[in-house]
């Protein structure tokens, strides 16, 4: 009725079997983690692609802004205005436009007084 322990089953064999089983369980857990990470790959690849597109769009916007800033400084300089930076050129152009508008209004007033 009872089972007899085989004669070749020593404590060392049992310990080795338990150690092998523990190694198997640990390897299964490690493979489960790797499988879980692998399932995320499509989402991560899509996110990376989106990130590259955003960075490319940003780089084009920065280049375009620099190009426009250069054109603005060049235009302001052509009018004899200070153009050290795009901001300075923009401020100078605003003042120049306001001065031109004031001159135009004064000219209109003088013309109206003559008539």
PDB file of N, CA and C in Angstrom:
ATOM      1  N   UNK A   1       0.810  -1.176   0.000  1.00  0.00           N
ATOM      2  CA  UNK A   1       0.000   0.000   0.000  1.00  0.00           C
ATOM      3  C   UNK A   1       0.865   1.255   0.000  1.00  0.00           C
ATOM      4  N   UNK A   2       1.809   1.343   0.873  1.00  0.00           N
ATOM      5  CA  UNK A   2       2.696   2.482   0.903  1.00  0.00           C
ATOM      6  C   UNK A   2       3.784   2.340  -0.127  1.00  0.00           C
ATOM      7  N   UNK A   3       4.302   3.436  -0.468  1.00  0.00           N
ATOM      8  CA  UNK A   3       5.395   3.420  -1.449  1.00  0.00           C
ATOM      9  C   UNK A   3       6.719   3.353  -0.720  1.00  0.00           C
ATOM     10  N   UNK A   4       7.551   2.567  -1.253  1.00  0.00           N
ATOM     11  CA  UNK A   4       8.901   2.498  -0.707  1.00  0.00           C
ATOM     12  C   UNK A   4       9.772   3.490  -1.447  1.00  0.00           C
ATOM     13  N   UNK A   5      10.687   4.117  -0.760  1.00  0.00           N
ATOM     14  CA  UNK A   5      11.606   5.058  -1.364  1.00  0.00           C
ATOM     15  C   UNK A   5      12.637   4.265  -2.145  1.00  0.00           C
ATOM     16  N   UNK A   6      12.826   4.653  -3.427  1.00  0.00           N
ATOM     17  CA  UNK A   6      13.835   3.930  -4.194  1.00  0.00           C
ATOM     18  C   UNK A   6      15.196   4.065  -3.533  1.00  0.00           C
ATOM     19  N   UNK A   7      15.989   3.046  -3.676  1.00  0.00           N
ATOM     20  CA  UNK A   7      17.282   3.032  -3.003  1.00  0.00           C
ATOM     21  C   UNK A   7      18.258   4.054  -3.570  1.00  0.00           C
ATOM     22  N   UNK A   8      18.091   4.421  -4.861  1.00  0.00           N
ATOM     23  CA  UNK A   8      19.040   5.365  -5.466  1.00  0.00           C
ATOM     24  C   UNK A   8      18.620   6.827  -5.278  1.00  0.00           C
ATOM     25  N   UNK A   9      17.548   7.084  -4.540  1.00  0.00           N
ATOM     26  CA  UNK A   9      17.057   8.450  -4.304  1.00  0.00           C
ATOM     27  C   UNK A   9      17.686   8.971  -3.012  1.00  0.00           C
ATOM     28  N   UNK A  10      18.737   9.751  -3.193  1.00  0.00           N
ATOM     29  CA  UNK A  10      19.440  10.293  -2.027  1.00  0.00           C
ATOM     30  C   UNK A  10      19.022  11.739  -1.816  1.00  0.00           C
ATOM     31  N   UNK A  11      19.462  12.301  -0.720  1.00  0.00           N
ATOM     32  CA  UNK A  11      19.188  13.707  -0.410  1.00  0.00           C
ATOM     33  C   UNK A  11      19.793  14.621  -1.472  1.00  0.00           C
ATOM     34  N   UNK A  12      20.947  14.242  -1.994  1.00  0.00           N
ATOM     35  CA  UNK A  12      21.594  15.049  -3.033  1.00  0.00           C
ATOM     36  C   UNK A  12      20.749  15.072  -4.301  1.00  0.00           C
ATOM     37  N   UNK A  13      20.190  13.960  -4.669  1.00  0.00           N
ATOM     38  CA  UNK A  13      19.341  13.893  -5.874  1.00  0.00           C
ATOM     39  C   UNK A  13      18.098  14.734  -5.673  1.00  0.00           C
ATOM     40  N   UNK A  14      17.514  14.668  -4.510  1.00  0.00           N
ATOM     41  CA  UNK A  14      16.318  15.474  -4.209  1.00  0.00           C
ATOM     42  C   UNK A  14      16.678  16.956  -4.247  1.00  0.00           C
ATOM     43  N   UNK A  15      17.781  17.319  -3.640  1.00  0.00           N
ATOM     44  CA  UNK A  15      18.218  18.719  -3.623  1.00  0.00           C
ATOM     45  C   UNK A  15      18.487  19.207  -5.040  1.00  0.00           C
ATOM     46  N   UNK A  16      19.112  18.385  -5.860  1.00  0.00           N
ATOM     47  CA  UNK A  16      19.381  18.770  -7.254  1.00  0.00           C
ATOM     48  C   UNK A  16      18.076  18.915  -8.038  1.00  0.00           C
ATOM     49  N   UNK A  17      17.146  18.040  -7.769  1.00  0.00           N
ATOM     50  CA  UNK A  17      15.843  18.112  -8.458  1.00  0.00           C
ATOM     51  C   UNK A  17      15.098  19.385  -8.065  1.00  0.00           C
ATOM     52  N   UNK A  18      15.106  19.693  -6.776  1.00  0.00           N
ATOM     53  CA  UNK A  18      14.451  20.926  -6.313  1.00  0.00           C
ATOM     54  C   UNK A  18      15.142  22.160  -6.885  1.00  0.00           C
ATOM     55  N   UNK A  19      16.453  22.139  -6.939  1.00  0.00           N
ATOM     56  CA  UNK A  19      17.210  23.259  -7.500  1.00  0.00           C
ATOM     57  C   UNK A  19      16.896  23.408  -8.989  1.00  0.00           C
ATOM     58  N   UNK A  20      16.823  22.306  -9.716  1.00  0.00           N
ATOM     59  CA  UNK A  20      16.486  22.357 -11.141  1.00  0.00           C
ATOM     60  C   UNK A  20      15.066  22.884 -11.336  1.00  0.00           C
ATOM     61  N   UNK A  21      14.150  22.469 -10.458  1.00  0.00           N
ATOM     62  CA  UNK A  21      12.772  22.958 -10.542  1.00  0.00           C
ATOM     63  C   UNK A  21      12.710  24.456 -10.267  1.00  0.00           C
ATOM     64  N   UNK A  22      13.429  24.905  -9.255  1.00  0.00           N
ATOM     65  CA  UNK A  22      13.472  26.342  -8.947  1.00  0.00           C
ATOM     66  C   UNK A  22      14.056  27.122 -10.127  1.00  0.00           C
ATOM     67  N   UNK A  23      15.100  26.586 -10.752  1.00  0.00           N
ATOM     68  CA  UNK A  23      15.676  27.239 -11.932  1.00  0.00           C
ATOM     69  C   UNK A  23      14.683  27.313 -13.077  1.00  0.00           C
ATOM     70  N   UNK A  24      13.916  26.235 -13.251  1.00  0.00           N
ATOM     71  CA  UNK A  24      12.893  26.200 -14.295  1.00  0.00           C
ATOM     72  C   UNK A  24      11.821  27.259 -14.038  1.00  0.00           C
ATOM     73  N   UNK A  25      11.359  27.357 -12.797  1.00  0.00           N
ATOM     74  CA  UNK A  25      10.336  28.350 -12.434  1.00  0.00           C
ATOM     75  C   UNK A  25      10.877  29.760 -12.647  1.00  0.00           C
ATOM     76  N   UNK A  26      12.118  30.015 -12.269  1.00  0.00           N
ATOM     77  CA  UNK A  26      12.728  31.340 -12.456  1.00  0.00           C
ATOM     78  C   UNK A  26      12.864  31.668 -13.942  1.00  0.00           C
ATOM     79  N   UNK A  27      13.266  30.675 -14.731  1.00  0.00           N
ATOM     80  CA  UNK A  27      13.399  30.900 -16.179  1.00  0.00           C
ATOM     81  C   UNK A  27      12.038  31.186 -16.802  1.00  0.00           C
ATOM     82  N   UNK A  28      11.006  30.500 -16.336  1.00  0.00           N
ATOM     83  CA  UNK A  28       9.644  30.756 -16.844  1.00  0.00           C
ATOM     84  C   UNK A  28       9.207  32.171 -16.508  1.00  0.00           C
ATOM     85  N   UNK A  29       9.490  32.617 -15.295  1.00  0.00           N
ATOM     86  CA  UNK A  29       9.136  33.976 -14.881  1.00  0.00           C
ATOM     87  C   UNK A  29       9.885  34.999 -15.727  1.00  0.00           C
ATOM     88  N   UNK A  30      11.153  34.736 -15.997  1.00  0.00           N
ATOM     89  CA  UNK A  30      11.959  35.648 -16.822  1.00  0.00           C
ATOM     90  C   UNK A  30      11.405  35.711 -18.244  1.00  0.00           C
ATOM     91  N   UNK A  31      11.052  34.551 -18.794  1.00  0.00           N
ATOM     92  CA  UNK A  31      10.479  34.523 -20.148  1.00  0.00           C
ATOM     93  C   UNK A  31       9.122  35.223 -20.196  1.00  0.00           C
ATOM     94  N   UNK A  32       8.364  35.146 -19.115  1.00  0.00           N
ATOM     95  CA  UNK A  32       7.069  35.835 -19.060  1.00  0.00           C
ATOM     96  C   UNK A  32       7.270  37.352 -19.100  1.00  0.00           C
ATOM     97  N   UNK A  33       8.283  37.833 -18.391  1.00  0.00           N
ATOM     98  CA  UNK A  33       8.593  39.278 -18.408  1.00  0.00           C
ATOM     99  C   UNK A  33       9.012  39.694 -19.813  1.00  0.00           C
ATOM    100  N   UNK A  34       9.865  38.906 -20.436  1.00  0.00           N
ATOM    101  CA  UNK A  34      10.326  39.218 -21.795  1.00  0.00           C
ATOM    102  C   UNK A  34       9.146  39.210 -22.767  1.00  0.00           C
ATOM    103  N   UNK A  35       8.259  38.235 -22.620  1.00  0.00           N
ATOM    104  CA  UNK A  35       7.083  38.161 -23.498  1.00  0.00           C
ATOM    105  C   UNK A  35       6.184  39.375 -23.301  1.00  0.00           C
ATOM    106  N   UNK A  36       6.028  39.802 -22.054  1.00  0.00           N
ATOM    107  CA  UNK A  36       5.206  40.985 -21.778  1.00  0.00           C
ATOM    108  C   UNK A  36       5.827  42.225 -22.423  1.00  0.00           C
ATOM    109  N   UNK A  37       7.133  42.344 -22.320  1.00  0.00           N
ATOM    110  CA  UNK A  37       7.812  43.480 -22.944  1.00  0.00           C
ATOM    111  C   UNK A  37       7.696  43.407 -24.464  1.00  0.00           C
ATOM    112  N   UNK A  38       7.784  42.215 -25.016  1.00  0.00           N
ATOM    113  CA  UNK A  38       7.691  42.052 -26.468  1.00  0.00           C
ATOM    114  C   UNK A  38       6.309  42.452 -26.977  1.00  0.00           C
ATOM    115  N   UNK A  39       5.288  42.226 -26.167  1.00  0.00           N
ATOM    116  CA  UNK A  39       3.927  42.624 -26.578  1.00  0.00           C
ATOM    117  C   UNK A  39       3.797  44.138 -26.667  1.00  0.00           C
ATOM    118  N   UNK A  40       4.633  44.875 -25.969  1.00  0.00           N
ATOM    119  CA  UNK A  40       4.589  46.344 -25.998  1.00  0.00           C
ATOM    120  C   UNK A  40       5.312  46.921 -27.213  1.00  0.00           C
ATOM    121  N   UNK A  41       6.071  46.104 -27.916  1.00  0.00           N
ATOM    122  CA  UNK A  41       6.909  46.599 -29.009  1.00  0.00           C
ATOM    123  C   UNK A  41       6.141  47.394 -30.058  1.00  0.00           C
ATOM    124  N   UNK A  42       5.000  46.907 -30.583  1.00  0.00           N
ATOM    125  CA  UNK A  42       4.295  47.702 -31.600  1.00  0.00           C
ATOM    126  C   UNK A  42       3.909  49.101 -31.104  1.00  0.00           C
ATOM    127  N   UNK A  43       3.442  49.184 -29.851  1.00  0.00           N
ATOM    128  CA  UNK A  43       3.083  50.494 -29.300  1.00  0.00           C
ATOM    129  C   UNK A  43       4.305  51.390 -29.161  1.00  0.00           C
ATOM    130  N   UNK A  44       5.408  50.801 -28.712  1.00  0.00           N
ATOM    131  CA  UNK A  44       6.637  51.584 -28.548  1.00  0.00           C
ATOM    132  C   UNK A  44       7.189  52.038 -29.901  1.00  0.00           C
ATOM    133  N   UNK A  45       7.098  51.168 -30.900  1.00  0.00           N
ATOM    134  CA  UNK A  45       7.564  51.554 -32.236  1.00  0.00           C
ATOM    135  C   UNK A  45       6.700  52.678 -32.800  1.00  0.00           C
ATOM    136  N   UNK A  46       5.387  52.606 -32.585  1.00  0.00           N
ATOM    137  CA  UNK A  46       4.491  53.674 -33.052  1.00  0.00           C
ATOM    138  C   UNK A  46       4.806  54.985 -32.333  1.00  0.00           C
ATOM    139  N   UNK A  47       5.053  54.895 -31.031  1.00  0.00           N
ATOM    140  CA  UNK A  47       5.392  56.099 -30.265  1.00  0.00           C
ATOM    141  C   UNK A  47       6.716  56.689 -30.739  1.00  0.00           C
ATOM    142  N   UNK A  48       7.680  55.826 -31.049  1.00  0.00           N
ATOM    143  CA  UNK A  48       8.971  56.302 -31.545  1.00  0.00           C
ATOM    144  C   UNK A  48       8.813  56.978 -32.905  1.00  0.00           C
ATOM    145  N   UNK A  49       8.023  56.376 -33.779  1.00  0.00           N
ATOM    146  CA  UNK A  49       7.770  56.981 -35.090  1.00  0.00           C
ATOM    147  C   UNK A  49       7.109  58.344 -34.933  1.00  0.00           C
ATOM    148  N   UNK A  50       6.128  58.419 -34.050  1.00  0.00           N
ATOM    149  CA  UNK A  50       5.449  59.698 -33.801  1.00  0.00           C
ATOM    150  C   UNK A  50       6.438  60.724 -33.242  1.00  0.00           C
ATOM    151  N   UNK A  51       7.299  60.306 -32.353  1.00  0.00           N
ATOM    152  CA  UNK A  51       8.295  61.206 -31.773  1.00  0.00           C
ATOM    153  C   UNK A  51       9.234  61.739 -32.852  1.00  0.00           C
ATOM    154  N   UNK A  52       9.682  60.846 -33.751  1.00  0.00           N
ATOM    155  CA  UNK A  52      10.564  61.287 -34.841  1.00  0.00           C
ATOM    156  C   UNK A  52       9.850  62.289 -35.744  1.00  0.00           C
ATOM    157  N   UNK A  53       8.571  62.046 -36.023  1.00  0.00           N
ATOM    158  CA  UNK A  53       7.810  62.981 -36.857  1.00  0.00           C
ATOM    159  C   UNK A  53       7.678  64.339 -36.175  1.00  0.00           C
ATOM    160  N   UNK A  54       7.403  64.327 -34.861  1.00  0.00           N
ATOM    161  CA  UNK A  54       7.296  65.584 -34.116  1.00  0.00           C
ATOM    162  C   UNK A  54       8.624  66.337 -34.094  1.00  0.00           C
ATOM    163  N   UNK A  55       9.709  65.607 -33.889  1.00  0.00           N
ATOM    164  CA  UNK A  55      11.021  66.247 -33.878  1.00  0.00           C
ATOM    165  C   UNK A  55      11.368  66.819 -35.242  1.00  0.00           C
ATOM    166  N   UNK A  56      10.998  66.107 -36.294  1.00  0.00           N
ATOM    167  CA  UNK A  56      11.248  66.595 -37.649  1.00  0.00           C
ATOM    168  C   UNK A  56      10.421  67.850 -37.930  1.00  0.00           C
ATOM    169  N   UNK A  57       9.158  67.821 -37.525  1.00  0.00           N
ATOM    170  CA  UNK A  57       8.297  68.993 -37.701  1.00  0.00           C
ATOM    171  C   UNK A  57       8.851  70.182 -36.923  1.00  0.00           C
ATOM    172  N   UNK A  58       9.304  69.927 -35.706  1.00  0.00           N
ATOM    173  CA  UNK A  58       9.879  70.998 -34.886  1.00  0.00           C
ATOM    174  C   UNK A  58      11.132  71.559 -35.540  1.00  0.00           C
ATOM    175  N   UNK A  59      11.996  70.684 -36.044  1.00  0.00           N
ATOM    176  CA  UNK A  59      13.235  71.141 -36.686  1.00  0.00           C
ATOM    177  C   UNK A  59      12.923  72.005 -37.904  1.00  0.00           C
ATOM    178  N   UNK A  60      11.917  71.600 -38.694  1.00  0.00           N
ATOM    179  CA  UNK A  60      11.527  72.413 -39.855  1.00  0.00           C
ATOM    180  C   UNK A  60      10.974  73.758 -39.412  1.00  0.00           C
ATOM    181  N   UNK A  61      10.182  73.771 -38.337  1.00  0.00           N
ATOM    182  CA  UNK A  61       9.619  75.029 -37.832  1.00  0.00           C
ATOM    183  C   UNK A  61      10.723  75.954 -37.329  1.00  0.00           C
ATOM    184  N   UNK A  62      11.705  75.397 -36.635  1.00  0.00           N
ATOM    185  CA  UNK A  62      12.825  76.209 -36.135  1.00  0.00           C
ATOM    186  C   UNK A  62      13.622  76.779 -37.306  1.00  0.00           C
ATOM    187  N   UNK A  63      13.892  75.942 -38.304  1.00  0.00           N
ATOM    188  CA  UNK A  63      14.637  76.412 -39.480  1.00  0.00           C
ATOM    189  C   UNK A  63      13.855  77.495 -40.213  1.00  0.00           C
ATOM    190  N   UNK A  64      12.546  77.299 -40.343  1.00  0.00           N
ATOM    191  CA  UNK A  64      11.709  78.294 -41.015  1.00  0.00           C
ATOM    192  C   UNK A  64      11.690  79.604 -40.224  1.00  0.00           C
ATOM    193  N   UNK A  65      11.608  79.490 -38.902  1.00  0.00           N
ATOM    194  CA  UNK A  65      11.615  80.698 -38.062  1.00  0.00           C
ATOM    195  C   UNK A  65      12.941  81.440 -38.204  1.00  0.00           C
ATOM    196  N   UNK A  66      14.038  80.712 -38.220  1.00  0.00           N
ATOM    197  CA  UNK A  66      15.343  81.349 -38.383  1.00  0.00           C
ATOM    198  C   UNK A  66      15.460  82.006 -39.755  1.00  0.00           C
ATOM    199  N   UNK A  67      14.943  81.327 -40.774  1.00  0.00           N
ATOM    200  CA  UNK A  67      14.994  81.895 -42.122  1.00  0.00           C
ATOM    201  C   UNK A  67      14.166  83.177 -42.181  1.00  0.00           C
ATOM    202  N   UNK A  68      12.980  83.141 -41.611  1.00  0.00           N
ATOM    203  CA  UNK A  68      12.123  84.343 -41.605  1.00  0.00           C
ATOM    204  C   UNK A  68      12.733  85.456 -40.762  1.00  0.00           C
ATOM    205  N   UNK A  69      13.352  85.085 -39.650  1.00  0.00           N
ATOM    206  CA  UNK A  69      14.028  86.088 -38.822  1.00  0.00           C
ATOM    207  C   UNK A  69      15.158  86.757 -39.586  1.00  0.00           C
ATOM    208  N   UNK A  70      15.900  85.971 -40.358  1.00  0.00           N
ATOM    209  CA  UNK A  70      16.969  86.529 -41.181  1.00  0.00           C
ATOM    210  C   UNK A  70      16.424  87.473 -42.235  1.00  0.00           C
ATOM    211  N   UNK A  71      15.313  87.077 -42.850  1.00  0.00           N
ATOM    212  CA  UNK A  71      14.694  87.944 -43.861  1.00  0.00           C
ATOM    213  C   UNK A  71      14.185  89.234 -43.223  1.00  0.00           C
ATOM    214  N   UNK A  72      13.639  89.125 -42.020  1.00  0.00           N
ATOM    215  CA  UNK A  72      13.145  90.309 -41.313  1.00  0.00           C
ATOM    216  C   UNK A  72      14.304  91.248 -40.976  1.00  0.00           C
ATOM    217  N   UNK A  73      15.409  90.678 -40.480  1.00  0.00           N
ATOM    218  CA  UNK A  73      16.577  91.513 -40.160  1.00  0.00           C
ATOM    219  C   UNK A  73      17.138  92.165 -41.425  1.00  0.00           C
ATOM    220  N   UNK A  74      17.166  91.414 -42.508  1.00  0.00           N
ATOM    221  CA  UNK A  74      17.671  91.951 -43.776  1.00  0.00           C
ATOM    222  C   UNK A  74      16.788  93.104 -44.265  1.00  0.00           C
ATOM    223  N   UNK A  75      15.471  92.942 -44.177  1.00  0.00           N
ATOM    224  CA  UNK A  75      14.557  93.998 -44.609  1.00  0.00           C
ATOM    225  C   UNK A  75      14.716  95.242 -43.737  1.00  0.00           C
ATOM    226  N   UNK A  76      14.786  95.029 -42.406  1.00  0.00           N
ATOM    227  CA  UNK A  76      14.953  96.171 -41.502  1.00  0.00           C
ATOM    228  C   UNK A  76      16.270  96.881 -41.787  1.00  0.00           C
ATOM    229  N   UNK A  77      17.308  96.119 -42.025  1.00  0.00           N
ATOM    230  CA  UNK A  77      18.610  96.698 -42.330  1.00  0.00           C
ATOM    231  C   UNK A  77      18.556  97.507 -43.624  1.00  0.00           C
ATOM    232  N   UNK A  78      17.778  97.015 -44.599  1.00  0.00           N
ATOM    233  CA  UNK A  78      17.673  97.744 -45.869  1.00  0.00           C
ATOM    234  C   UNK A  78      17.003  99.104 -45.691  1.00  0.00           C
ATOM    235  N   UNK A  79      16.229  99.262 -44.613  1.00  0.00           N
ATOM    236  CA  UNK A  79      15.593 100.547 -44.311  1.00  0.00           C
ATOM    237  C   UNK A  79      16.465 101.400 -43.392  1.00  0.00           C
ATOM    238  N   UNK A  80      17.642 100.874 -43.049  1.00  0.00           N
ATOM    239  CA  UNK A  80      18.552 101.613 -42.188  1.00  0.00           C
ATOM    240  C   UNK A  80      18.253 101.440 -40.715  1.00  0.00           C
ATOM    241  N   UNK A  81      17.494 100.415 -40.377  1.00  0.00           N
ATOM    242  CA  UNK A  81      17.127 100.180 -38.977  1.00  0.00           C
ATOM    243  C   UNK A  81      18.100  99.196 -38.341  1.00  0.00           C
ATOM    244  N   UNK A  82      18.208  99.270 -37.013  1.00  0.00           N
ATOM    245  CA  UNK A  82      19.029  98.317 -36.269  1.00  0.00           C
ATOM    246  C   UNK A  82      18.411  96.937 -36.405  1.00  0.00           C
ATOM    247  N   UNK A  83      19.248  95.972 -36.719  1.00  0.00           N
ATOM    248  CA  UNK A  83      18.724  94.621 -36.950  1.00  0.00           C
ATOM    249  C   UNK A  83      19.632  93.588 -36.313  1.00  0.00           C
ATOM    250  N   UNK A  84      19.953  93.774 -35.026  1.00  0.00           N
ATOM    251  CA  UNK A  84      20.813  92.821 -34.328  1.00  0.00           C
ATOM    252  C   UNK A  84      20.126  91.470 -34.120  1.00  0.00           C
ATOM    253  N   UNK A  85      18.828  91.517 -33.934  1.00  0.00           N
ATOM    254  CA  UNK A  85      18.057  90.288 -33.736  1.00  0.00           C
ATOM    255  C   UNK A  85      16.709  90.456 -34.415  1.00  0.00           C
ATOM    256  N   UNK A  86      15.991  89.356 -34.553  1.00  0.00           N
ATOM    257  CA  UNK A  86      14.662  89.429 -35.160  1.00  0.00           C
ATOM    258  C   UNK A  86      13.742  90.297 -34.312  1.00  0.00           C
ATOM    259  N   UNK A  87      13.861  90.184 -32.984  1.00  0.00           N
ATOM    260  CA  UNK A  87      13.036  91.004 -32.087  1.00  0.00           C
ATOM    261  C   UNK A  87      13.330  92.482 -32.246  1.00  0.00           C
ATOM    262  N   UNK A  88      14.620  92.837 -32.314  1.00  0.00           N
ATOM    263  CA  UNK A  88      15.000  94.240 -32.487  1.00  0.00           C
ATOM    264  C   UNK A  88      14.543  94.743 -33.845  1.00  0.00           C
ATOM    265  N   UNK A  89      14.681  93.912 -34.865  1.00  0.00           N
ATOM    266  CA  UNK A  89      14.235  94.304 -36.205  1.00  0.00           C
ATOM    267  C   UNK A  89      12.726  94.514 -36.211  1.00  0.00           C
ATOM    268  N   UNK A  90      11.993  93.628 -35.544  1.00  0.00           N
ATOM    269  CA  UNK A  90      10.538  93.751 -35.481  1.00  0.00           C
ATOM    270  C   UNK A  90      10.128  95.039 -34.763  1.00  0.00           C
ATOM    271  N   UNK A  91      10.765  95.311 -33.629  1.00  0.00           N
ATOM    272  CA  UNK A  91      10.460  96.552 -32.896  1.00  0.00           C
ATOM    273  C   UNK A  91      10.788  97.779 -33.743  1.00  0.00           C
ATOM    274  N   UNK A  92      11.939  97.736 -34.403  1.00  0.00           N
ATOM    275  CA  UNK A  92      12.332  98.855 -35.261  1.00  0.00           C
ATOM    276  C   UNK A  92      11.346  99.065 -36.407  1.00  0.00           C
ATOM    277  N   UNK A  93      10.891  97.970 -36.993  1.00  0.00           N
ATOM    278  CA  UNK A  93       9.919  98.088 -38.088  1.00  0.00           C
ATOM    279  C   UNK A  93       8.580  98.626 -37.596  1.00  0.00           C
ATOM    280  N   UNK A  94       8.164  98.244 -36.406  1.00  0.00           N
ATOM    281  CA  UNK A  94       6.911  98.792 -35.852  1.00  0.00           C
ATOM    282  C   UNK A  94       7.026 100.309 -35.676  1.00  0.00           C
ATOM    283  N   UNK A  95       8.171 100.726 -35.119  1.00  0.00           N
ATOM    284  CA  UNK A  95       8.367 102.175 -34.944  1.00  0.00           C
ATOM    285  C   UNK A  95       8.428 102.873 -36.301  1.00  0.00           C
ATOM    286  N   UNK A  96       9.093 102.252 -37.280  1.00  0.00           N
ATOM    287  CA  UNK A  96       9.205 102.839 -38.613  1.00  0.00           C
ATOM    288  C   UNK A  96       7.826 102.986 -39.253  1.00  0.00           C
ATOM    289  N   UNK A  97       6.992 101.941 -39.133  1.00  0.00           N
ATOM    290  CA  UNK A  97       5.635 102.004 -39.694  1.00  0.00           C
ATOM    291  C   UNK A  97       4.834 103.095 -39.001  1.00  0.00           C
ATOM    292  N   UNK A  98       4.955 103.191 -37.670  1.00  0.00           N
ATOM    293  CA  UNK A  98       4.227 104.236 -36.936  1.00  0.00           C
ATOM    294  C   UNK A  98       4.695 105.619 -37.387  1.00  0.00           C
ATOM    295  N   UNK A  99       5.997 105.768 -37.578  1.00  0.00           N
ATOM    296  CA  UNK A  99       6.517 107.064 -38.038  1.00  0.00           C
ATOM    297  C   UNK A  99       6.022 107.374 -39.444  1.00  0.00           C
ATOM    298  N   UNK A 100       5.994 106.368 -40.320  1.00  0.00           N
ATOM    299  CA  UNK A 100       5.496 106.589 -41.687  1.00  0.00           C
ATOM    300  C   UNK A 100       4.020 106.967 -41.665  1.00  0.00           C
ATOM    301  N   UNK A 101       3.264 106.305 -40.787  1.00  0.00           N
ATOM    302  CA  UNK A 101       1.831 106.622 -40.661  1.00  0.00           C
ATOM    303  C   UNK A 101       1.649 108.048 -40.151  1.00  0.00           C
ATOM    304  N   UNK A 102       2.467 108.450 -39.185  1.00  0.00           N
ATOM    305  CA  UNK A 102       2.373 109.818 -38.658  1.00  0.00           C
ATOM    306  C   UNK A 102       2.722 110.831 -39.749  1.00  0.00           C
ATOM    307  N   UNK A 103       3.739 110.532 -40.562  1.00  0.00           N
ATOM    308  CA  UNK A 103       4.100 111.419 -41.668  1.00  0.00           C
ATOM    309  C   UNK A 103       2.967 111.498 -42.684  1.00  0.00           C
ATOM    310  N   UNK A 104       2.341 110.372 -42.969  1.00  0.00           N
ATOM    311  CA  UNK A 104       1.242 110.359 -43.932  1.00  0.00           C
ATOM    312  C   UNK A 104       0.074 111.191 -43.408  1.00  0.00           C
ATOM    313  N   UNK A 105      -0.246 111.025 -42.128  1.00  0.00           N
ATOM    314  CA  UNK A 105      -1.346 111.791 -41.544  1.00  0.00           C
ATOM    315  C   UNK A 105      -1.041 113.285 -41.570  1.00  0.00           C
ATOM    316  N   UNK A 106       0.193 113.630 -41.260  1.00  0.00           N
ATOM    317  CA  UNK A 106       0.586 115.045 -41.301  1.00  0.00           C
ATOM    318  C   UNK A 106       0.485 115.582 -42.718  1.00  0.00           C
ATOM    319  N   UNK A 107       0.892 114.788 -43.678  1.00  0.00           N
ATOM    320  CA  UNK A 107       0.808 115.194 -45.079  1.00  0.00           C
ATOM    321  C   UNK A 107      -0.646 115.414 -45.496  1.00  0.00           C
ATOM    322  N   UNK A 108      -1.517 114.521 -45.060  1.00  0.00           N
ATOM    323  CA  UNK A 108      -2.950 114.656 -45.386  1.00  0.00           C
ATOM    324  C   UNK A 108      -3.498 115.916 -44.737  1.00  0.00           C
ATOM    325  N   UNK A 109      -3.126 116.199 -43.503  1.00  0.00           N
ATOM    326  CA  UNK A 109      -3.603 117.411 -42.813  1.00  0.00           C
ATOM    327  C   UNK A 109      -3.133 118.665 -43.538  1.00  0.00           C
ATOM    328  N   UNK A 110      -1.856 118.681 -43.964  1.00  0.00           N
ATOM    329  CA  UNK A 110      -1.348 119.850 -44.701  1.00  0.00           C
ATOM    330  C   UNK A 110      -2.094 120.037 -46.012  1.00  0.00           C
ATOM    331  N   UNK A 111      -2.340 118.927 -46.691  1.00  0.00           N
ATOM    332  CA  UNK A 111      -3.047 119.005 -47.977  1.00  0.00           C
ATOM    333  C   UNK A 111      -4.463 119.519 -47.749  1.00  0.00           C
ATOM    334  N   UNK A 112      -5.123 119.046 -46.684  1.00  0.00           N
ATOM    335  CA  UNK A 112      -6.494 119.474 -46.395  1.00  0.00           C
ATOM    336  C   UNK A 112      -6.529 120.959 -46.015  1.00  0.00           C
ATOM    337  N   UNK A 113      -5.492 121.458 -45.366  1.00  0.00           N
ATOM    338  CA  UNK A 113      -5.454 122.879 -44.983  1.00  0.00           C
ATOM    339  C   UNK A 113      -5.285 123.766 -46.212  1.00  0.00           C
ATOM    340  N   UNK A 114      -4.599 123.262 -47.234  1.00  0.00           N
ATOM    341  CA  UNK A 114      -4.380 124.048 -48.451  1.00  0.00           C
ATOM    342  C   UNK A 114      -5.642 124.124 -49.299  1.00  0.00           C
ATOM    343  N   UNK A 115      -6.489 123.171 -49.182  1.00  0.00           N
ATOM    344  CA  UNK A 115      -7.684 123.172 -50.034  1.00  0.00           C
ATOM    345  C   UNK A 115      -8.863 123.810 -49.407  1.00  0.00           C
TER     346      UNK A 115
END
